[in-house]
Amino acid sequence: MPTELQGMFRQPPVSMFGSTCTFEECHFALFGVPFDGTSTYRRGSRYAPTELRRVSENVETYSFRFRMAVEEIPLCDMGDLTRLGDAEEVVEAVSEVCREVNQAGKVPVAVGGEHTLTFGAVSALKPDAVVCMDAHMDMRDEYMGVKLSHATFMRRLTETVEASVFMVGIRAVCREELEYASERGIQVVTSMDVREMGVKKASSKLLETLSDADSVYVSIDLDVLDPAYAPAVGNPEAEGLETWVLLELLSSILDGRVVGLDLCEYAPPYDDGSTAVQALKLLYESLIAVEAGRCSGR
């Protein structure tokens, strides 16, 4: 691990997917961000990194899409961030970690925690394009009097980062957010759009919009899935995507251009175990997709 990052992490009892790879050997450097300080409905995502590691010990991780298992991927679990104060401090810490990991030639993988962490990661990595799979736009100028939170971070991101932004799976917004997105040229694909187009056409459209991007950051808010599949999230919303649909969309864009990704907003206190396995499926399939693209030069 880079000297600059030593002392920033707490080592968990078990690593994600049982990984034993060192930082020097890895392609992917995973770390937990156990923070839900601005969550406003169902808190508890701070427990997600620990719970996902625990459940990962009991999940089969072979991908039929790519004929590869996540255990074959050089993945290092760095542990959980310990420098957790308010949202600004968390964003700064995530940014520092992603910057150092990127400079070491690795792909940072953040596991939340709440979605605010994405602002820090993207600020450090400065990708050409950001793809956010989410039920919400998170583009309010402020929410409950707060300028930086899980409900405003995409507004802050688009105000400060030069990147094309694509929102996929959207279905819960306010008019302020729609007007802002339109003014900024932010492309929005709703869950209704995906159903009307069909998954193949939606995947092709998403891939086409990213054709000019040399670097891509992908963020997965678990509430992009319908609550029938992932009920244990901070802000569940009806009319979400099915798991297989989301996986097909992700598989179409996850390749060697990915410079970072995250998975967030899983809330273990509301889970019977079913949401955790959905989250882990998305995580390991995403990692495998990026590695497959990297190995094939795609």
Protein backbone atom coordinates (compact mmCIF):
# COMPACT_ATOMS: atom_id res chain seq x y z
CA MET A 1 0.00 0.00 0.00
CA PRO A 2 1.31 3.50 -0.79
CA THR A 3 2.96 5.16 2.20
CA GLU A 4 0.49 8.05 1.96
CA LEU A 5 -2.41 5.69 2.67
CA GLN A 6 -0.96 3.74 5.55
CA GLY A 7 -2.86 4.36 8.74
CA MET A 8 -6.07 5.36 6.92
CA PHE A 9 -7.62 1.89 7.02
CA ARG A 10 -8.94 -0.61 9.53
CA GLN A 11 -8.39 -4.23 8.51
CA PRO A 12 -11.59 -6.31 8.51
CA PRO A 13 -11.89 -9.82 10.00
CA VAL A 14 -12.43 -11.23 6.50
CA SER A 15 -11.62 -9.82 3.08
CA MET A 16 -14.09 -9.39 0.23
CA PHE A 17 -14.49 -12.67 -1.67
CA GLY A 18 -11.67 -14.11 0.44
CA SER A 19 -9.04 -12.15 -1.48
CA THR A 20 -5.43 -12.60 -0.37
CA CYS A 21 -3.82 -10.49 -3.09
CA THR A 22 -1.38 -7.78 -2.00
CA PHE A 23 -1.65 -4.18 -3.11
CA GLU A 24 1.50 -4.56 -5.21
CA GLU A 25 0.04 -7.55 -7.07
CA CYS A 26 -3.51 -6.30 -7.58
CA HIS A 27 -5.36 -4.74 -10.49
CA PHE A 28 -8.28 -3.67 -8.27
CA ALA A 29 -7.91 -2.01 -4.87
CA LEU A 30 -11.17 -2.30 -2.93
CA PHE A 31 -11.95 -0.29 0.19
CA GLY A 32 -14.99 0.27 2.38
CA VAL A 33 -16.47 3.66 3.22
CA PRO A 34 -18.68 3.00 6.28
CA PHE A 35 -20.38 6.41 6.32
CA ASP A 36 -24.08 7.32 6.27
CA GLY A 37 -23.93 10.65 8.07
CA THR A 38 -26.23 12.50 5.65
CA SER A 39 -28.73 9.70 5.04
CA THR A 40 -32.24 11.02 5.57
CA TYR A 41 -34.60 8.05 5.42
CA ARG A 42 -33.27 4.61 6.31
CA ARG A 43 -29.81 4.77 7.80
CA GLY A 44 -27.52 1.79 8.13
CA SER A 45 -25.39 1.77 4.98
CA ARG A 46 -22.35 2.31 7.21
CA TYR A 47 -22.63 -1.40 8.07
CA ALA A 48 -22.57 -2.47 4.42
CA PRO A 49 -18.84 -3.08 3.87
CA THR A 50 -18.62 -5.41 6.87
CA GLU A 51 -21.81 -7.28 6.04
CA LEU A 52 -20.94 -7.71 2.38
CA ARG A 53 -17.56 -9.16 3.28
CA ARG A 54 -19.23 -11.60 5.66
CA VAL A 55 -21.83 -12.71 3.11
CA SER A 56 -19.20 -12.95 0.35
CA GLU A 57 -17.76 -15.97 2.14
CA ASN A 58 -20.94 -17.87 1.22
CA VAL A 59 -21.49 -16.73 -2.37
CA GLU A 60 -20.45 -18.57 -5.54
CA THR A 61 -18.65 -16.09 -7.78
CA TYR A 62 -18.35 -17.69 -11.21
CA SER A 63 -19.65 -15.55 -14.08
CA PHE A 64 -21.33 -17.39 -16.95
CA ARG A 65 -21.24 -14.13 -18.90
CA PHE A 66 -17.46 -14.04 -18.94
CA ARG A 67 -16.48 -17.62 -18.03
CA MET A 68 -14.41 -16.36 -15.15
CA ALA A 69 -14.57 -16.35 -11.33
CA VAL A 70 -13.79 -13.32 -9.22
CA GLU A 71 -11.13 -15.34 -7.37
CA GLU A 72 -9.12 -15.33 -10.61
CA ILE A 73 -8.92 -11.54 -10.52
CA PRO A 74 -6.07 -9.73 -8.73
CA LEU A 75 -8.19 -7.98 -6.08
CA CYS A 76 -6.80 -6.43 -2.91
CA ASP A 77 -9.09 -5.54 0.00
CA MET A 78 -7.44 -2.58 1.73
CA GLY A 79 -10.00 -2.49 4.55
CA ASP A 80 -12.31 0.28 5.73
CA LEU A 81 -11.56 3.98 5.84
CA THR A 82 -11.19 5.24 9.38
CA ARG A 83 -10.97 8.96 8.60
CA LEU A 84 -14.69 9.56 8.81
CA GLY A 85 -15.99 12.88 10.09
CA ASP A 86 -18.56 14.92 8.23
CA ALA A 87 -19.42 14.56 4.54
CA GLU A 88 -16.70 17.00 3.43
CA GLU A 89 -14.03 15.02 5.29
CA VAL A 90 -15.25 11.74 3.82
CA VAL A 91 -15.22 13.14 0.29
CA GLU A 92 -11.67 14.41 0.84
CA ALA A 93 -10.51 11.06 2.22
CA VAL A 94 -12.06 9.07 -0.64
CA SER A 95 -10.50 11.48 -3.11
CA GLU A 96 -7.06 11.01 -1.56
CA VAL A 97 -7.35 7.23 -1.65
CA CYS A 98 -8.54 7.12 -5.25
CA ARG A 99 -5.79 9.49 -6.36
CA GLU A 100 -3.04 7.40 -4.77
CA VAL A 101 -4.51 4.10 -6.01
CA ASN A 102 -4.81 5.48 -9.54
CA GLN A 103 -1.26 6.79 -9.53
CA ALA A 104 -0.11 3.31 -8.52
CA GLY A 105 -1.75 1.94 -11.66
CA LYS A 106 -4.67 0.24 -9.89
CA VAL A 107 -8.43 0.62 -10.23
CA PRO A 108 -10.06 1.89 -7.02
CA VAL A 109 -13.29 0.15 -6.00
CA ALA A 110 -15.25 1.87 -3.24
CA VAL A 111 -17.96 0.07 -1.28
CA GLY A 112 -20.32 2.35 0.64
CA GLY A 113 -21.82 3.61 2.70
CA GLU A 114 -23.89 6.36 1.24
CA HIS A 115 -23.62 7.69 -2.28
CA THR A 116 -21.82 10.90 -1.32
CA LEU A 117 -18.53 9.02 -1.69
CA THR A 118 -18.81 9.16 -5.49
CA PHE A 119 -18.10 12.88 -5.47
CA GLY A 120 -14.70 12.28 -3.90
CA ALA A 121 -13.77 9.44 -6.24
CA VAL A 122 -14.70 11.27 -9.43
CA SER A 123 -13.01 14.48 -8.27
CA ALA A 124 -9.73 12.59 -7.95
CA LEU A 125 -9.93 10.40 -11.05
CA LYS A 126 -11.26 13.03 -13.49
CA PRO A 127 -12.72 10.56 -16.02
CA ASP A 128 -14.06 11.57 -19.42
CA ALA A 129 -17.45 10.10 -18.54
CA VAL A 130 -19.41 9.17 -15.43
CA VAL A 131 -22.18 6.57 -15.58
CA CYS A 132 -24.43 6.51 -12.53
CA MET A 133 -26.95 3.70 -12.10
CA ASP A 134 -29.49 5.13 -9.68
CA ALA A 135 -33.18 5.62 -8.93
CA HIS A 136 -32.50 9.25 -8.02
CA MET A 137 -30.72 12.11 -9.77
CA ASP A 138 -29.29 13.55 -6.52
CA MET A 139 -29.05 16.96 -8.19
CA ARG A 140 -30.87 19.24 -5.76
CA ASP A 141 -28.97 22.40 -4.97
CA GLU A 142 -29.56 21.68 -1.29
CA TYR A 143 -31.63 19.27 0.75
CA MET A 144 -32.91 20.00 4.25
CA GLY A 145 -30.60 23.01 4.29
CA VAL A 146 -27.48 20.96 3.47
CA LYS A 147 -25.37 21.60 0.35
CA LEU A 148 -23.38 18.33 0.36
CA SER A 149 -25.31 15.15 1.02
CA HIS A 150 -26.50 11.93 -0.56
CA ALA A 151 -29.28 13.97 -2.23
CA THR A 152 -27.05 16.73 -3.67
CA PHE A 153 -23.68 15.17 -4.44
CA MET A 154 -24.32 14.82 -8.20
CA ARG A 155 -25.10 18.54 -8.36
CA ARG A 156 -21.78 19.31 -6.68
CA LEU A 157 -20.01 16.83 -8.95
CA THR A 158 -21.37 18.29 -12.17
CA GLU A 159 -20.55 21.81 -10.97
CA THR A 160 -16.89 21.02 -10.38
CA VAL A 161 -15.85 18.09 -12.61
CA GLU A 162 -15.47 18.28 -16.39
CA ALA A 163 -17.03 15.00 -17.48
CA SER A 164 -19.97 13.76 -19.50
CA VAL A 165 -22.58 12.42 -17.08
CA PHE A 166 -25.10 9.68 -17.85
CA MET A 167 -27.83 8.76 -15.38
CA VAL A 168 -29.45 5.34 -15.86
CA GLY A 169 -32.49 3.84 -14.12
CA ILE A 170 -33.85 7.19 -12.92
CA ARG A 171 -37.45 7.30 -11.68
CA ALA A 172 -37.57 9.54 -8.58
CA VAL A 173 -36.87 13.24 -9.16
CA CYS A 174 -38.08 16.75 -8.48
CA ARG A 175 -38.64 19.40 -11.16
CA GLU A 176 -35.56 21.36 -10.01
CA GLU A 177 -33.36 18.39 -10.86
CA LEU A 178 -34.92 17.84 -14.27
CA GLU A 179 -34.45 21.48 -15.21
CA TYR A 180 -30.85 21.49 -14.01
CA ALA A 181 -30.03 18.29 -15.93
CA SER A 182 -31.55 19.73 -19.08
CA GLU A 183 -29.57 22.96 -18.73
CA ARG A 184 -26.31 21.04 -18.25
CA GLY A 185 -26.88 18.55 -21.05
CA ILE A 186 -26.87 15.58 -18.68
CA GLN A 187 -28.23 12.48 -20.37
CA VAL A 188 -30.94 10.67 -18.44
CA VAL A 189 -32.26 7.19 -19.22
CA THR A 190 -35.20 6.35 -16.98
CA SER A 191 -36.25 2.88 -15.92
CA MET A 192 -39.29 3.41 -18.14
CA ASP A 193 -37.02 4.20 -21.08
CA VAL A 194 -35.16 0.93 -20.55
CA ARG A 195 -38.40 -1.06 -20.54
CA GLU A 196 -39.72 0.70 -23.64
CA MET A 197 -36.48 0.30 -25.62
CA GLY A 198 -35.64 -3.16 -24.43
CA VAL A 199 -32.35 -4.10 -22.83
CA LYS A 200 -30.44 -4.69 -26.09
CA LYS A 201 -31.33 -1.32 -27.56
CA ALA A 202 -30.72 0.44 -24.25
CA SER A 203 -27.31 -1.22 -23.94
CA SER A 204 -26.39 -0.22 -27.50
CA LYS A 205 -27.46 3.36 -26.86
CA LEU A 206 -25.42 3.57 -23.68
CA LEU A 207 -22.36 2.07 -25.35
CA GLU A 208 -22.70 4.48 -28.26
CA THR A 209 -22.87 7.51 -25.97
CA LEU A 210 -19.59 6.41 -24.39
CA SER A 211 -17.79 5.75 -27.68
CA ASP A 212 -15.62 8.87 -27.44
CA ALA A 213 -14.66 8.38 -23.78
CA ASP A 214 -11.17 7.11 -23.03
CA SER A 215 -11.82 6.85 -19.29
CA VAL A 216 -15.07 5.96 -17.52
CA TYR A 217 -16.20 5.93 -13.89
CA VAL A 218 -19.18 3.74 -12.97
CA SER A 219 -21.29 4.17 -9.85
CA ILE A 220 -23.97 1.68 -8.79
CA ASP A 221 -26.54 2.84 -6.26
CA LEU A 222 -28.30 -0.34 -5.23
CA ASP A 223 -31.67 1.40 -5.25
CA VAL A 224 -31.54 1.38 -9.06
CA LEU A 225 -32.96 -2.13 -8.64
CA ASP A 226 -36.65 -2.56 -7.95
CA PRO A 227 -37.39 -3.11 -4.23
CA ALA A 228 -38.68 -6.56 -5.18
CA TYR A 229 -35.02 -7.46 -5.79
CA ALA A 230 -33.22 -5.12 -3.38
CA PRO A 231 -35.50 -3.96 -0.55
CA ALA A 232 -32.67 -3.18 1.89
CA VAL A 233 -31.54 0.21 0.60
CA GLY A 234 -31.59 3.70 2.06
CA ASN A 235 -34.28 5.07 -0.26
CA PRO A 236 -36.23 2.34 -2.08
CA GLU A 237 -38.29 3.38 -5.12
CA ALA A 238 -40.90 1.45 -7.10
CA GLU A 239 -40.60 0.65 -10.83
CA GLY A 240 -36.92 -0.19 -10.69
CA LEU A 241 -34.78 -2.36 -12.91
CA GLU A 242 -34.57 -6.12 -12.67
CA THR A 243 -31.20 -7.57 -11.68
CA TRP A 244 -30.53 -9.25 -15.04
CA VAL A 245 -31.38 -6.05 -16.89
CA LEU A 246 -28.94 -4.02 -14.82
CA LEU A 247 -26.25 -6.66 -15.33
CA GLU A 248 -26.75 -6.57 -19.10
CA LEU A 249 -26.48 -2.77 -19.11
CA LEU A 250 -23.33 -2.88 -16.99
CA SER A 251 -21.77 -5.64 -19.08
CA SER A 252 -22.12 -3.48 -22.18
CA ILE A 253 -20.02 -0.61 -20.78
CA LEU A 254 -17.61 -2.15 -18.28
CA ASP A 255 -14.27 -2.64 -19.98
CA GLY A 256 -10.64 -1.60 -19.83
CA ARG A 257 -11.56 2.09 -19.91
CA VAL A 258 -12.98 1.94 -16.38
CA VAL A 259 -10.74 3.92 -14.00
CA GLY A 260 -12.90 3.42 -10.93
CA LEU A 261 -16.23 2.12 -9.70
CA ASP A 262 -18.34 2.03 -6.60
CA LEU A 263 -21.32 0.24 -5.06
CA CYS A 264 -23.33 2.04 -2.43
CA GLU A 265 -26.56 2.51 -0.42
CA TYR A 266 -27.01 -1.08 0.78
CA ALA A 267 -28.60 -0.92 4.26
CA PRO A 268 -28.05 -4.20 6.15
CA PRO A 269 -30.45 -3.44 9.05
CA TYR A 270 -33.36 -3.83 6.60
CA ASP A 271 -32.10 -7.02 4.98
CA ASP A 272 -33.07 -10.66 5.31
CA GLY A 273 -29.95 -11.58 3.37
CA SER A 274 -31.45 -11.32 -0.12
CA THR A 275 -30.27 -7.79 -0.87
CA ALA A 276 -26.70 -8.61 0.11
CA VAL A 277 -26.44 -11.35 -2.51
CA GLN A 278 -27.82 -9.00 -5.15
CA ALA A 279 -25.18 -6.43 -4.22
CA LEU A 280 -22.39 -8.99 -4.33
CA LYS A 281 -23.58 -10.33 -7.68
CA LEU A 282 -23.39 -6.81 -9.12
CA LEU A 283 -19.98 -6.27 -7.57
CA TYR A 284 -18.25 -9.43 -8.74
CA GLU A 285 -19.83 -9.38 -12.20
CA SER A 286 -18.66 -5.77 -12.59
CA LEU A 287 -15.11 -6.59 -11.54
CA ILE A 288 -15.00 -9.55 -13.89
CA ALA A 289 -16.36 -7.46 -16.78
CA VAL A 290 -13.65 -4.82 -16.34
CA GLU A 291 -10.93 -7.45 -16.07
CA ALA A 292 -12.23 -9.32 -19.13
CA GLY A 293 -12.20 -6.08 -21.10
CA ARG A 294 -8.73 -5.25 -19.86
CA CYS A 295 -7.38 -8.68 -20.85
CA SER A 296 -8.96 -8.52 -24.30
CA GLY A 297 -7.79 -4.97 -24.93
CA ARG A 298 -11.38 -3.72 -25.11
